[in-house]
Amino acid sequence: MSDRPTVGVTMGDPAGVGGEIIVKAYPQLCELATVVVIGDADVVRKAVDVCDAELSVRAISTVDAATSDPGEIPVLDLDNVSDHAYGELREAYGKASLAYVERAIELAKSGDIDAIVTAPINKQATRMAGSEHAGHTGMLAAHTGTENYSMMLIEENLRVTHVSTHVPLREACDLVTTERVLATIEVTAEALRRLGIEAPTIGVAGLNPHASDGGLLGTEDDSEIRPAVEQARERGIDAHGPESPDTVYVKASSGAYDCVVSMYHDQGHIPIKMLGFSDGAAVSGVNMTIGLPIVRTSVDHGTAFDIAGQNVASEASLIDATRVAVRAVRSSQTVHSE
């Protein structure tokens, strides 16, 4: 990696807000890294018009052709979108968005880009296109041969990871095992170090109300979560818990913990979304896939078909996601050079 990292930004579903947020964010992204958009040049040009931006778009065929001109967006043009329309669910758009991610993974694995930042895909469209994965995370893990991975959400002073994500709640409870909790604590600790936190402190949320309240409200906290925390501490990780789920996030956002390991999707997402939408503000959090051999971050919002093409989508999350990706790249470079 050069002193200036190269970040591949995937365009996401062509019918969504991906093109618009890229266009609106691009001048600021150029201050952080050399940015290559992986997508369809014509769709990005259309987004430039929608946003009434004073930018041009240049289709390129290799990453080496990219420059850091804040007035010109380089697009590694896969040219796989025809008959473009905003806000429409189409199999062809699902195939296109999958192709962008697959190309980005290839470039990251080969070292042509230092990190991937993803604009949102539509899970229904990718399923229509034949993907077996619920979203980006499973696809990234499969293409990199990664078994132990997790989702880390970052919003202001709060970071959360998850033992399980996109599964029904009944199934999520069954997935709270000592092995899975310990693996999530370990991958969380490594990710925090990758973000430059040398000695991270991790709070581990309980599964049941009040972390089972000494067995009055369930047994999983003592039988599955507590042993995982103890084993993590034996391995040198500063982990604490199980903590009562209704207070651990408040403690973390106040600085007591660098991250909270959450037991299931909504347990971790709700406090993050509450911060992101506080005072009516649009969510600007960051989603980072941890445990991968490559750096990948993402916006923490969806394709927003209902507002796509209207120049109202916020670019804040994309800027923050790129900033986190660059931080992770630089921190990894420092570790590898020691």
C-alpha atoms as a PDB file:
ATOM      1  CA  MET A   1       0.000   0.000   0.000  1.00  0.00           C
ATOM      2  CA  SER A   2       1.233   3.492  -0.794  1.00  0.00           C
ATOM      3  CA  ASP A   3       1.001   6.382   1.668  1.00  0.00           C
ATOM      4  CA  ARG A   4      -2.387   7.109   0.135  1.00  0.00           C
ATOM      5  CA  PRO A   5      -4.663   4.049   0.318  1.00  0.00           C
ATOM      6  CA  THR A   6      -6.792   3.007  -2.627  1.00  0.00           C
ATOM      7  CA  VAL A   7     -10.419   2.287  -1.749  1.00  0.00           C
ATOM      8  CA  GLY A   8     -12.875   0.508  -4.019  1.00  0.00           C
ATOM      9  CA  VAL A   9     -16.427   1.793  -3.545  1.00  0.00           C
ATOM     10  CA  THR A  10     -19.069  -0.536  -4.962  1.00  0.00           C
ATOM     11  CA  MET A  11     -22.085   1.210  -6.455  1.00  0.00           C
ATOM     12  CA  GLY A  12     -24.736  -1.031  -4.900  1.00  0.00           C
ATOM     13  CA  ASP A  13     -28.124  -1.714  -6.464  1.00  0.00           C
ATOM     14  CA  PRO A  14     -28.471   0.518  -9.542  1.00  0.00           C
ATOM     15  CA  ALA A  15     -32.078   1.329  -8.601  1.00  0.00           C
ATOM     16  CA  GLY A  16     -31.109   2.594  -5.160  1.00  0.00           C
ATOM     17  CA  VAL A  17     -29.365   5.629  -3.717  1.00  0.00           C
ATOM     18  CA  GLY A  18     -25.832   4.263  -4.146  1.00  0.00           C
ATOM     19  CA  GLY A  19     -24.947   6.396  -7.140  1.00  0.00           C
ATOM     20  CA  GLU A  20     -26.273   9.554  -5.511  1.00  0.00           C
ATOM     21  CA  ILE A  21     -24.434   9.177  -2.217  1.00  0.00           C
ATOM     22  CA  ILE A  22     -21.215   8.386  -4.086  1.00  0.00           C
ATOM     23  CA  VAL A  23     -21.559  11.544  -6.181  1.00  0.00           C
ATOM     24  CA  LYS A  24     -22.354  13.719  -3.156  1.00  0.00           C
ATOM     25  CA  ALA A  25     -19.552  12.222  -1.062  1.00  0.00           C
ATOM     26  CA  TYR A  26     -16.856  11.988  -3.724  1.00  0.00           C
ATOM     27  CA  PRO A  27     -15.052  15.328  -3.185  1.00  0.00           C
ATOM     28  CA  GLN A  28     -14.676  14.513   0.530  1.00  0.00           C
ATOM     29  CA  LEU A  29     -13.708  10.908  -0.164  1.00  0.00           C
ATOM     30  CA  CYS A  30     -10.816  12.194  -2.277  1.00  0.00           C
ATOM     31  CA  GLU A  31      -9.408  13.866   0.813  1.00  0.00           C
ATOM     32  CA  LEU A  32      -9.219  10.464   2.504  1.00  0.00           C
ATOM     33  CA  ALA A  33      -7.992   8.119  -0.234  1.00  0.00           C
ATOM     34  CA  THR A  34      -7.720   7.379  -3.909  1.00  0.00           C
ATOM     35  CA  VAL A  35     -11.240   6.215  -4.664  1.00  0.00           C
ATOM     36  CA  VAL A  36     -12.313   3.909  -7.471  1.00  0.00           C
ATOM     37  CA  VAL A  37     -16.032   3.383  -7.984  1.00  0.00           C
ATOM     38  CA  ILE A  38     -16.853  -0.160  -9.093  1.00  0.00           C
ATOM     39  CA  GLY A  39     -20.118  -0.090 -10.988  1.00  0.00           C
ATOM     40  CA  ASP A  40     -21.722   1.303 -14.108  1.00  0.00           C
ATOM     41  CA  ALA A  41     -20.436   4.616 -15.474  1.00  0.00           C
ATOM     42  CA  ASP A  42     -23.742   5.585 -17.082  1.00  0.00           C
ATOM     43  CA  VAL A  43     -25.639   5.105 -13.819  1.00  0.00           C
ATOM     44  CA  VAL A  44     -23.097   7.294 -12.004  1.00  0.00           C
ATOM     45  CA  ARG A  45     -23.426   9.929 -14.756  1.00  0.00           C
ATOM     46  CA  LYS A  46     -27.179   9.888 -14.242  1.00  0.00           C
ATOM     47  CA  ALA A  47     -26.614  10.397 -10.511  1.00  0.00           C
ATOM     48  CA  VAL A  48     -24.388  13.398 -11.291  1.00  0.00           C
ATOM     49  CA  ASP A  49     -27.302  14.933 -13.188  1.00  0.00           C
ATOM     50  CA  VAL A  50     -29.770  14.090 -10.406  1.00  0.00           C
ATOM     51  CA  CYS A  51     -27.513  15.759  -7.845  1.00  0.00           C
ATOM     52  CA  ASP A  52     -26.766  18.699 -10.146  1.00  0.00           C
ATOM     53  CA  ALA A  53     -23.112  18.163  -9.282  1.00  0.00           C
ATOM     54  CA  GLU A  54     -20.190  19.838 -10.993  1.00  0.00           C
ATOM     55  CA  LEU A  55     -18.441  16.538 -11.564  1.00  0.00           C
ATOM     56  CA  SER A  56     -17.489  14.460 -14.564  1.00  0.00           C
ATOM     57  CA  VAL A  57     -17.321  10.671 -14.795  1.00  0.00           C
ATOM     58  CA  ARG A  58     -14.485   8.773 -16.443  1.00  0.00           C
ATOM     59  CA  ALA A  59     -14.874   5.095 -17.275  1.00  0.00           C
ATOM     60  CA  ILE A  60     -11.676   3.151 -16.603  1.00  0.00           C
ATOM     61  CA  SER A  61     -10.704  -0.474 -17.149  1.00  0.00           C
ATOM     62  CA  THR A  62      -7.971  -0.833 -14.503  1.00  0.00           C
ATOM     63  CA  VAL A  63      -7.486   0.526 -11.001  1.00  0.00           C
ATOM     64  CA  ASP A  64      -4.113   1.987 -12.009  1.00  0.00           C
ATOM     65  CA  ALA A  65      -5.938   4.458 -14.259  1.00  0.00           C
ATOM     66  CA  ALA A  66      -7.658   6.115 -11.287  1.00  0.00           C
ATOM     67  CA  THR A  67      -6.601   9.549 -10.105  1.00  0.00           C
ATOM     68  CA  SER A  68      -7.579  11.614  -7.086  1.00  0.00           C
ATOM     69  CA  ASP A  69      -9.094  14.530  -8.974  1.00  0.00           C
ATOM     70  CA  PRO A  70     -12.020  15.736  -6.814  1.00  0.00           C
ATOM     71  CA  GLY A  71     -13.789  16.937  -9.944  1.00  0.00           C
ATOM     72  CA  GLU A  72     -13.723  13.618 -11.816  1.00  0.00           C
ATOM     73  CA  ILE A  73     -15.090  10.287 -10.604  1.00  0.00           C
ATOM     74  CA  PRO A  74     -13.185   7.235 -11.939  1.00  0.00           C
ATOM     75  CA  VAL A  75     -15.547   4.318 -12.476  1.00  0.00           C
ATOM     76  CA  LEU A  76     -14.283   0.808 -13.100  1.00  0.00           C
ATOM     77  CA  ASP A  77     -17.067   0.289 -15.588  1.00  0.00           C
ATOM     78  CA  LEU A  78     -18.663  -3.153 -15.678  1.00  0.00           C
ATOM     79  CA  ASP A  79     -21.268  -1.756 -18.096  1.00  0.00           C
ATOM     80  CA  ASN A  80     -23.901  -4.246 -16.973  1.00  0.00           C
ATOM     81  CA  VAL A  81     -26.945  -1.998 -16.614  1.00  0.00           C
ATOM     82  CA  SER A  82     -29.402  -1.215 -19.386  1.00  0.00           C
ATOM     83  CA  ASP A  83     -32.824   0.423 -19.229  1.00  0.00           C
ATOM     84  CA  HIS A  84     -32.045   2.085 -15.921  1.00  0.00           C
ATOM     85  CA  ALA A  85     -34.842   3.164 -13.569  1.00  0.00           C
ATOM     86  CA  TYR A  86     -34.790   4.223  -9.945  1.00  0.00           C
ATOM     87  CA  GLY A  87     -36.799   2.436  -7.265  1.00  0.00           C
ATOM     88  CA  GLU A  88     -37.526  -0.764  -9.180  1.00  0.00           C
ATOM     89  CA  LEU A  89     -36.837  -4.295  -7.962  1.00  0.00           C
ATOM     90  CA  ARG A  90     -35.203  -6.208 -10.818  1.00  0.00           C
ATOM     91  CA  GLU A  91     -33.253  -9.428 -11.131  1.00  0.00           C
ATOM     92  CA  ALA A  92     -30.858  -7.723 -13.556  1.00  0.00           C
ATOM     93  CA  TYR A  93     -30.021  -5.102 -10.956  1.00  0.00           C
ATOM     94  CA  GLY A  94     -29.377  -7.829  -8.400  1.00  0.00           C
ATOM     95  CA  LYS A  95     -26.940  -9.495 -10.790  1.00  0.00           C
ATOM     96  CA  ALA A  96     -25.216  -6.195 -11.444  1.00  0.00           C
ATOM     97  CA  SER A  97     -24.748  -5.377  -7.760  1.00  0.00           C
ATOM     98  CA  LEU A  98     -23.369  -8.860  -7.077  1.00  0.00           C
ATOM     99  CA  ALA A  99     -20.876  -8.403  -9.904  1.00  0.00           C
ATOM    100  CA  TYR A 100     -19.608  -5.157  -8.356  1.00  0.00           C
ATOM    101  CA  VAL A 101     -18.942  -6.843  -5.024  1.00  0.00           C
ATOM    102  CA  GLU A 102     -17.289  -9.861  -6.615  1.00  0.00           C
ATOM    103  CA  ARG A 103     -14.958  -7.641  -8.630  1.00  0.00           C
ATOM    104  CA  ALA A 104     -14.097  -5.624  -5.526  1.00  0.00           C
ATOM    105  CA  ILE A 105     -13.231  -8.793  -3.600  1.00  0.00           C
ATOM    106  CA  GLU A 106     -10.947  -9.921  -6.438  1.00  0.00           C
ATOM    107  CA  LEU A 107      -9.181  -6.553  -6.420  1.00  0.00           C
ATOM    108  CA  ALA A 108      -8.773  -6.568  -2.640  1.00  0.00           C
ATOM    109  CA  LYS A 109      -7.418 -10.119  -2.583  1.00  0.00           C
ATOM    110  CA  SER A 110      -4.909  -9.276  -5.322  1.00  0.00           C
ATOM    111  CA  GLY A 111      -3.807  -6.115  -3.536  1.00  0.00           C
ATOM    112  CA  ASP A 112      -4.984  -3.744  -6.273  1.00  0.00           C
ATOM    113  CA  ILE A 113      -7.153  -1.958  -3.718  1.00  0.00           C
ATOM    114  CA  ASP A 114      -6.527  -1.641   0.004  1.00  0.00           C
ATOM    115  CA  ALA A 115     -10.140  -1.687   1.190  1.00  0.00           C
ATOM    116  CA  ILE A 116     -13.728  -2.117   0.049  1.00  0.00           C
ATOM    117  CA  VAL A 117     -16.547   0.268   0.942  1.00  0.00           C
ATOM    118  CA  THR A 118     -19.982  -0.887  -0.170  1.00  0.00           C
ATOM    119  CA  ALA A 119     -23.063   1.099  -1.066  1.00  0.00           C
ATOM    120  CA  PRO A 120     -26.294  -0.790  -0.306  1.00  0.00           C
ATOM    121  CA  ILE A 121     -27.576  -3.778  -2.247  1.00  0.00           C
ATOM    122  CA  ASN A 122     -31.150  -5.020  -2.233  1.00  0.00           C
ATOM    123  CA  LYS A 123     -31.435  -8.498  -0.713  1.00  0.00           C
ATOM    124  CA  GLN A 124     -34.594  -9.334  -2.654  1.00  0.00           C
ATOM    125  CA  ALA A 125     -32.904  -8.440  -5.941  1.00  0.00           C
ATOM    126  CA  THR A 126     -29.785 -10.464  -5.164  1.00  0.00           C
ATOM    127  CA  ARG A 127     -31.905 -13.451  -4.163  1.00  0.00           C
ATOM    128  CA  MET A 128     -33.788 -13.118  -7.449  1.00  0.00           C
ATOM    129  CA  ALA A 129     -30.379 -13.150  -9.133  1.00  0.00           C
ATOM    130  CA  GLY A 130     -29.511 -16.462  -7.483  1.00  0.00           C
ATOM    131  CA  SER A 131     -27.421 -15.405  -4.480  1.00  0.00           C
ATOM    132  CA  GLU A 132     -27.639 -17.749  -1.504  1.00  0.00           C
ATOM    133  CA  HIS A 133     -26.419 -15.081   0.884  1.00  0.00           C
ATOM    134  CA  ALA A 134     -28.599 -12.726   2.933  1.00  0.00           C
ATOM    135  CA  GLY A 135     -26.340  -9.781   2.148  1.00  0.00           C
ATOM    136  CA  HIS A 136     -22.765  -8.613   1.717  1.00  0.00           C
ATOM    137  CA  THR A 137     -21.364 -10.276   4.832  1.00  0.00           C
ATOM    138  CA  GLY A 138     -21.937 -13.911   3.911  1.00  0.00           C
ATOM    139  CA  MET A 139     -20.744 -13.275   0.368  1.00  0.00           C
ATOM    140  CA  LEU A 140     -17.519 -11.684   1.562  1.00  0.00           C
ATOM    141  CA  ALA A 141     -16.871 -14.556   3.969  1.00  0.00           C
ATOM    142  CA  ALA A 142     -17.524 -17.183   1.306  1.00  0.00           C
ATOM    143  CA  HIS A 143     -15.288 -15.533  -1.289  1.00  0.00           C
ATOM    144  CA  THR A 144     -12.420 -15.152   1.183  1.00  0.00           C
ATOM    145  CA  GLY A 145     -12.780 -18.541   2.868  1.00  0.00           C
ATOM    146  CA  THR A 146     -13.482 -16.935   6.237  1.00  0.00           C
ATOM    147  CA  GLU A 147     -15.213 -18.981   8.948  1.00  0.00           C
ATOM    148  CA  ASN A 148     -15.020 -16.728  12.013  1.00  0.00           C
ATOM    149  CA  TYR A 149     -16.467 -13.327  11.185  1.00  0.00           C
ATOM    150  CA  SER A 150     -19.029 -10.886  12.488  1.00  0.00           C
ATOM    151  CA  MET A 151     -20.743  -7.582  11.840  1.00  0.00           C
ATOM    152  CA  MET A 152     -19.506  -4.546  13.740  1.00  0.00           C
ATOM    153  CA  LEU A 153     -21.719  -1.469  13.782  1.00  0.00           C
ATOM    154  CA  ILE A 154     -20.179   1.877  14.672  1.00  0.00           C
ATOM    155  CA  GLU A 155     -22.148   4.989  15.624  1.00  0.00           C
ATOM    156  CA  GLU A 156     -20.517   7.880  17.464  1.00  0.00           C
ATOM    157  CA  ASN A 157     -18.988   6.417  20.672  1.00  0.00           C
ATOM    158  CA  LEU A 158     -20.752   3.062  20.444  1.00  0.00           C
ATOM    159  CA  ARG A 159     -19.555  -0.088  18.688  1.00  0.00           C
ATOM    160  CA  VAL A 160     -21.442  -3.393  18.691  1.00  0.00           C
ATOM    161  CA  THR A 161     -20.819  -6.846  17.255  1.00  0.00           C
ATOM    162  CA  HIS A 162     -23.184  -9.784  16.998  1.00  0.00           C
ATOM    163  CA  VAL A 163     -23.162 -13.497  17.775  1.00  0.00           C
ATOM    164  CA  SER A 164     -25.923 -13.907  15.165  1.00  0.00           C
ATOM    165  CA  THR A 165     -27.626 -11.539  12.737  1.00  0.00           C
ATOM    166  CA  HIS A 166     -30.185 -12.386  10.074  1.00  0.00           C
ATOM    167  CA  VAL A 167     -31.944 -15.358  11.662  1.00  0.00           C
ATOM    168  CA  PRO A 168     -35.319 -15.684  13.430  1.00  0.00           C
ATOM    169  CA  LEU A 169     -35.211 -14.825  17.133  1.00  0.00           C
ATOM    170  CA  ARG A 170     -36.027 -18.400  18.213  1.00  0.00           C
ATOM    171  CA  GLU A 171     -33.048 -19.643  16.227  1.00  0.00           C
ATOM    172  CA  ALA A 172     -30.844 -16.811  17.487  1.00  0.00           C
ATOM    173  CA  CYS A 173     -31.354 -17.972  21.080  1.00  0.00           C
ATOM    174  CA  ASP A 174     -30.183 -21.467  20.144  1.00  0.00           C
ATOM    175  CA  LEU A 175     -27.058 -19.983  18.571  1.00  0.00           C
ATOM    176  CA  VAL A 176     -25.924 -18.518  21.887  1.00  0.00           C
ATOM    177  CA  THR A 177     -23.318 -21.167  22.690  1.00  0.00           C
ATOM    178  CA  THR A 178     -20.021 -20.835  24.511  1.00  0.00           C
ATOM    179  CA  GLU A 179     -18.124 -21.610  21.300  1.00  0.00           C
ATOM    180  CA  ARG A 180     -19.903 -18.956  19.235  1.00  0.00           C
ATOM    181  CA  VAL A 181     -19.768 -16.283  21.939  1.00  0.00           C
ATOM    182  CA  LEU A 182     -16.040 -16.878  22.504  1.00  0.00           C
ATOM    183  CA  ALA A 183     -15.353 -16.739  18.763  1.00  0.00           C
ATOM    184  CA  THR A 184     -17.228 -13.427  18.515  1.00  0.00           C
ATOM    185  CA  ILE A 185     -15.321 -11.961  21.471  1.00  0.00           C
ATOM    186  CA  GLU A 186     -12.028 -12.980  19.861  1.00  0.00           C
ATOM    187  CA  VAL A 187     -12.819 -11.583  16.424  1.00  0.00           C
ATOM    188  CA  THR A 188     -14.110  -8.387  18.067  1.00  0.00           C
ATOM    189  CA  ALA A 189     -10.866  -7.916  19.990  1.00  0.00           C
ATOM    190  CA  GLU A 190      -8.811  -8.404  16.830  1.00  0.00           C
ATOM    191  CA  ALA A 191     -10.962  -5.929  14.886  1.00  0.00           C
ATOM    192  CA  LEU A 192     -10.612  -3.280  17.585  1.00  0.00           C
ATOM    193  CA  ARG A 193      -6.843  -3.679  17.485  1.00  0.00           C
ATOM    194  CA  ARG A 194      -7.059  -3.320  13.712  1.00  0.00           C
ATOM    195  CA  LEU A 195      -8.818  -0.014  14.295  1.00  0.00           C
ATOM    196  CA  GLY A 196      -5.907   1.180  16.405  1.00  0.00           C
ATOM    197  CA  ILE A 197      -7.194   0.313  19.900  1.00  0.00           C
ATOM    198  CA  GLU A 198      -4.184  -1.498  21.350  1.00  0.00           C
ATOM    199  CA  ALA A 199      -5.792  -2.890  24.515  1.00  0.00           C
ATOM    200  CA  PRO A 200      -9.550  -3.057  23.885  1.00  0.00           C
ATOM    201  CA  THR A 201     -12.118  -3.541  26.625  1.00  0.00           C
ATOM    202  CA  ILE A 202     -15.196  -5.516  25.642  1.00  0.00           C
ATOM    203  CA  GLY A 203     -18.581  -5.703  27.314  1.00  0.00           C
ATOM    204  CA  VAL A 204     -20.596  -8.849  26.644  1.00  0.00           C
ATOM    205  CA  ALA A 205     -24.370  -8.513  26.750  1.00  0.00           C
ATOM    206  CA  GLY A 206     -26.481 -11.163  28.393  1.00  0.00           C
ATOM    207  CA  LEU A 207     -29.218 -12.969  26.526  1.00  0.00           C
ATOM    208  CA  ASN A 208     -32.019 -12.802  29.090  1.00  0.00           C
ATOM    209  CA  PRO A 209     -33.357  -9.774  30.983  1.00  0.00           C
ATOM    210  CA  HIS A 210     -30.889  -8.713  33.681  1.00  0.00           C
ATOM    211  CA  ALA A 211     -28.473 -11.373  32.355  1.00  0.00           C
ATOM    212  CA  SER A 212     -30.787 -14.037  33.846  1.00  0.00           C
ATOM    213  CA  ASP A 213     -30.754 -12.403  37.325  1.00  0.00           C
ATOM    214  CA  GLY A 214     -28.859 -15.240  38.987  1.00  0.00           C
ATOM    215  CA  GLY A 215     -30.879 -17.928  37.246  1.00  0.00           C
ATOM    216  CA  LEU A 216     -34.316 -16.517  37.994  1.00  0.00           C
ATOM    217  CA  LEU A 217     -34.883 -15.543  34.338  1.00  0.00           C
ATOM    218  CA  GLY A 218     -33.089 -18.311  32.482  1.00  0.00           C
ATOM    219  CA  THR A 219     -29.888 -20.341  32.458  1.00  0.00           C
ATOM    220  CA  GLU A 220     -28.105 -19.399  29.226  1.00  0.00           C
ATOM    221  CA  ASP A 221     -26.143 -16.494  30.684  1.00  0.00           C
ATOM    222  CA  ASP A 222     -24.428 -18.696  33.267  1.00  0.00           C
ATOM    223  CA  SER A 223     -24.205 -21.887  31.208  1.00  0.00           C
ATOM    224  CA  GLU A 224     -23.082 -20.438  27.832  1.00  0.00           C
ATOM    225  CA  ILE A 225     -22.036 -16.773  28.002  1.00  0.00           C
ATOM    226  CA  ARG A 226     -20.127 -16.623  31.296  1.00  0.00           C
ATOM    227  CA  PRO A 227     -17.763 -19.506  30.364  1.00  0.00           C
ATOM    228  CA  ALA A 228     -16.995 -17.761  27.071  1.00  0.00           C
ATOM    229  CA  VAL A 229     -16.089 -14.541  28.894  1.00  0.00           C
ATOM    230  CA  GLU A 230     -13.900 -16.454  31.351  1.00  0.00           C
ATOM    231  CA  GLN A 231     -12.083 -18.259  28.534  1.00  0.00           C
ATOM    232  CA  ALA A 232     -11.564 -14.972  26.699  1.00  0.00           C
ATOM    233  CA  ARG A 233     -10.017 -13.438  29.803  1.00  0.00           C
ATOM    234  CA  GLU A 234      -7.726 -16.465  30.156  1.00  0.00           C
ATOM    235  CA  ARG A 235      -6.558 -15.704  26.613  1.00  0.00           C
ATOM    236  CA  GLY A 236      -5.652 -12.142  27.517  1.00  0.00           C
ATOM    237  CA  ILE A 237      -8.789 -10.346  26.323  1.00  0.00           C
ATOM    238  CA  ASP A 238     -10.264  -7.738  28.660  1.00  0.00           C
ATOM    239  CA  ALA A 239     -13.844  -9.000  28.414  1.00  0.00           C
ATOM    240  CA  HIS A 240     -16.617  -8.435  30.980  1.00  0.00           C
ATOM    241  CA  GLY A 241     -20.021 -10.022  31.350  1.00  0.00           C
ATOM    242  CA  PRO A 242     -22.573 -11.204  30.858  1.00  0.00           C
ATOM    243  CA  GLU A 243     -23.892  -7.708  31.520  1.00  0.00           C
ATOM    244  CA  SER A 244     -27.555  -6.781  31.758  1.00  0.00           C
ATOM    245  CA  PRO A 245     -28.602  -5.915  28.185  1.00  0.00           C
ATOM    246  CA  ASP A 246     -30.581  -2.864  29.297  1.00  0.00           C
ATOM    247  CA  THR A 247     -27.517  -1.089  30.729  1.00  0.00           C
ATOM    248  CA  VAL A 248     -24.419  -2.374  28.925  1.00  0.00           C
ATOM    249  CA  TYR A 249     -24.917  -0.145  25.873  1.00  0.00           C
ATOM    250  CA  VAL A 250     -25.258   2.956  28.012  1.00  0.00           C
ATOM    251  CA  LYS A 251     -22.019   2.055  29.780  1.00  0.00           C
ATOM    252  CA  ALA A 252     -20.258   1.471  26.463  1.00  0.00           C
ATOM    253  CA  SER A 253     -21.404   4.749  24.937  1.00  0.00           C
ATOM    254  CA  SER A 254     -20.069   6.490  28.048  1.00  0.00           C
ATOM    255  CA  GLY A 255     -16.625   4.985  27.487  1.00  0.00           C
ATOM    256  CA  ALA A 256     -16.599   1.965  29.811  1.00  0.00           C
ATOM    257  CA  TYR A 257     -16.211  -0.451  26.883  1.00  0.00           C
ATOM    258  CA  ASP A 258     -14.750  -0.145  23.404  1.00  0.00           C
ATOM    259  CA  CYS A 259     -17.397  -2.523  22.030  1.00  0.00           C
ATOM    260  CA  VAL A 260     -20.373  -4.599  23.127  1.00  0.00           C
ATOM    261  CA  VAL A 261     -20.774  -8.171  21.936  1.00  0.00           C
ATOM    262  CA  SER A 262     -24.516  -8.548  21.330  1.00  0.00           C
ATOM    263  CA  MET A 263     -26.290 -11.881  21.315  1.00  0.00           C
ATOM    264  CA  TYR A 264     -28.596 -11.252  18.343  1.00  0.00           C
ATOM    265  CA  HIS A 265     -29.469  -8.760  15.597  1.00  0.00           C
ATOM    266  CA  ASP A 266     -31.976  -6.411  17.225  1.00  0.00           C
ATOM    267  CA  GLN A 267     -30.205  -6.376  20.585  1.00  0.00           C
ATOM    268  CA  GLY A 268     -27.231  -4.672  18.937  1.00  0.00           C
ATOM    269  CA  HIS A 269     -28.999  -2.765  16.186  1.00  0.00           C
ATOM    270  CA  ILE A 270     -31.599  -0.945  18.277  1.00  0.00           C
ATOM    271  CA  PRO A 271     -29.146   1.151  20.362  1.00  0.00           C
ATOM    272  CA  ILE A 272     -27.122   1.929  17.242  1.00  0.00           C
ATOM    273  CA  LYS A 273     -30.216   3.053  15.336  1.00  0.00           C
ATOM    274  CA  MET A 274     -31.403   5.102  18.292  1.00  0.00           C
ATOM    275  CA  LEU A 275     -28.147   7.046  18.188  1.00  0.00           C
ATOM    276  CA  GLY A 276     -28.260   7.355  14.419  1.00  0.00           C
ATOM    277  CA  PHE A 277     -31.771   8.750  14.335  1.00  0.00           C
ATOM    278  CA  SER A 278     -31.496  10.925  17.430  1.00  0.00           C
ATOM    279  CA  ASP A 279     -32.995  14.409  17.040  1.00  0.00           C
ATOM    280  CA  GLY A 280     -34.445  13.368  13.696  1.00  0.00           C
ATOM    281  CA  ALA A 281     -31.025  13.031  12.073  1.00  0.00           C
ATOM    282  CA  ALA A 282     -30.506  10.553   9.270  1.00  0.00           C
ATOM    283  CA  VAL A 283     -28.576   7.469  10.288  1.00  0.00           C
ATOM    284  CA  SER A 284     -24.869   7.814   9.532  1.00  0.00           C
ATOM    285  CA  GLY A 285     -23.449   4.713  11.175  1.00  0.00           C
ATOM    286  CA  VAL A 286     -20.885   2.353   9.727  1.00  0.00           C
ATOM    287  CA  ASN A 287     -21.125  -1.397   9.200  1.00  0.00           C
ATOM    288  CA  MET A 288     -17.761  -3.194   9.235  1.00  0.00           C
ATOM    289  CA  THR A 289     -17.311  -6.885   8.467  1.00  0.00           C
ATOM    290  CA  ILE A 290     -14.692  -8.126  10.918  1.00  0.00           C
ATOM    291  CA  GLY A 291     -12.602 -11.281  10.763  1.00  0.00           C
ATOM    292  CA  LEU A 292     -11.942 -11.017   7.021  1.00  0.00           C
ATOM    293  CA  PRO A 293      -8.430 -11.012   5.527  1.00  0.00           C
ATOM    294  CA  ILE A 294      -9.441  -7.804   3.732  1.00  0.00           C
ATOM    295  CA  VAL A 295     -10.878  -4.504   4.975  1.00  0.00           C
ATOM    296  CA  ARG A 296     -14.558  -3.973   4.246  1.00  0.00           C
ATOM    297  CA  THR A 297     -16.888  -1.306   5.584  1.00  0.00           C
ATOM    298  CA  SER A 298     -20.334  -0.240   4.476  1.00  0.00           C
ATOM    299  CA  VAL A 299     -23.024   2.339   4.943  1.00  0.00           C
ATOM    300  CA  ASP A 300     -25.512   1.391   7.615  1.00  0.00           C
ATOM    301  CA  HIS A 301     -28.648   1.946   5.562  1.00  0.00           C
ATOM    302  CA  GLY A 302     -30.500   0.303   2.708  1.00  0.00           C
ATOM    303  CA  THR A 303     -31.150   1.078  -0.932  1.00  0.00           C
ATOM    304  CA  ALA A 304     -33.982   3.509  -0.052  1.00  0.00           C
ATOM    305  CA  PHE A 305     -35.955   2.859  -3.232  1.00  0.00           C
ATOM    306  CA  ASP A 306     -38.625   5.279  -2.036  1.00  0.00           C
ATOM    307  CA  ILE A 307     -36.295   8.287  -2.290  1.00  0.00           C
ATOM    308  CA  ALA A 308     -33.851   7.113  -4.974  1.00  0.00           C
ATOM    309  CA  GLY A 309     -33.362   9.603  -7.783  1.00  0.00           C
ATOM    310  CA  GLN A 310     -34.589  12.552  -5.714  1.00  0.00           C
ATOM    311  CA  ASN A 311     -31.254  13.941  -4.447  1.00  0.00           C
ATOM    312  CA  VAL A 312     -32.308  13.708  -0.803  1.00  0.00           C
ATOM    313  CA  ALA A 313     -30.256  10.717   0.424  1.00  0.00           C
ATOM    314  CA  SER A 314     -27.488  11.590   2.903  1.00  0.00           C
ATOM    315  CA  GLU A 315     -23.885  10.798   2.049  1.00  0.00           C
ATOM    316  CA  ALA A 316     -22.755  10.998   5.712  1.00  0.00           C
ATOM    317  CA  SER A 317     -22.635   7.235   6.298  1.00  0.00           C
ATOM    318  CA  LEU A 318     -20.552   6.657   3.163  1.00  0.00           C
ATOM    319  CA  ILE A 319     -18.019   9.266   4.244  1.00  0.00           C
ATOM    320  CA  ASP A 320     -17.813   7.743   7.723  1.00  0.00           C
ATOM    321  CA  ALA A 321     -17.488   4.213   6.272  1.00  0.00           C
ATOM    322  CA  THR A 322     -14.577   5.339   4.101  1.00  0.00           C
ATOM    323  CA  ARG A 323     -12.930   7.063   7.044  1.00  0.00           C
ATOM    324  CA  VAL A 324     -13.159   3.859   9.127  1.00  0.00           C
ATOM    325  CA  ALA A 325     -11.798   1.774   6.235  1.00  0.00           C
ATOM    326  CA  VAL A 326      -8.798   4.069   5.827  1.00  0.00           C
ATOM    327  CA  ARG A 327      -8.155   3.964   9.575  1.00  0.00           C
ATOM    328  CA  ALA A 328      -8.223   0.149   9.522  1.00  0.00           C
ATOM    329  CA  VAL A 329      -5.849   0.031   6.556  1.00  0.00           C
ATOM    330  CA  ARG A 330      -3.379   2.409   8.155  1.00  0.00           C
ATOM    331  CA  SER A 331      -3.511   0.599  11.496  1.00  0.00           C
ATOM    332  CA  SER A 332      -2.895  -2.758   9.780  1.00  0.00           C
ATOM    333  CA  GLN A 333       0.012  -1.280   7.868  1.00  0.00           C
ATOM    334  CA  THR A 334       1.557  -0.046  11.122  1.00  0.00           C
ATOM    335  CA  VAL A 335       1.174  -3.453  12.777  1.00  0.00           C
ATOM    336  CA  HIS A 336       2.689  -5.291   9.798  1.00  0.00           C
ATOM    337  CA  SER A 337       5.662  -2.936   9.663  1.00  0.00           C
ATOM    338  CA  GLU A 338       6.630  -3.503  13.291  1.00  0.00           C
END
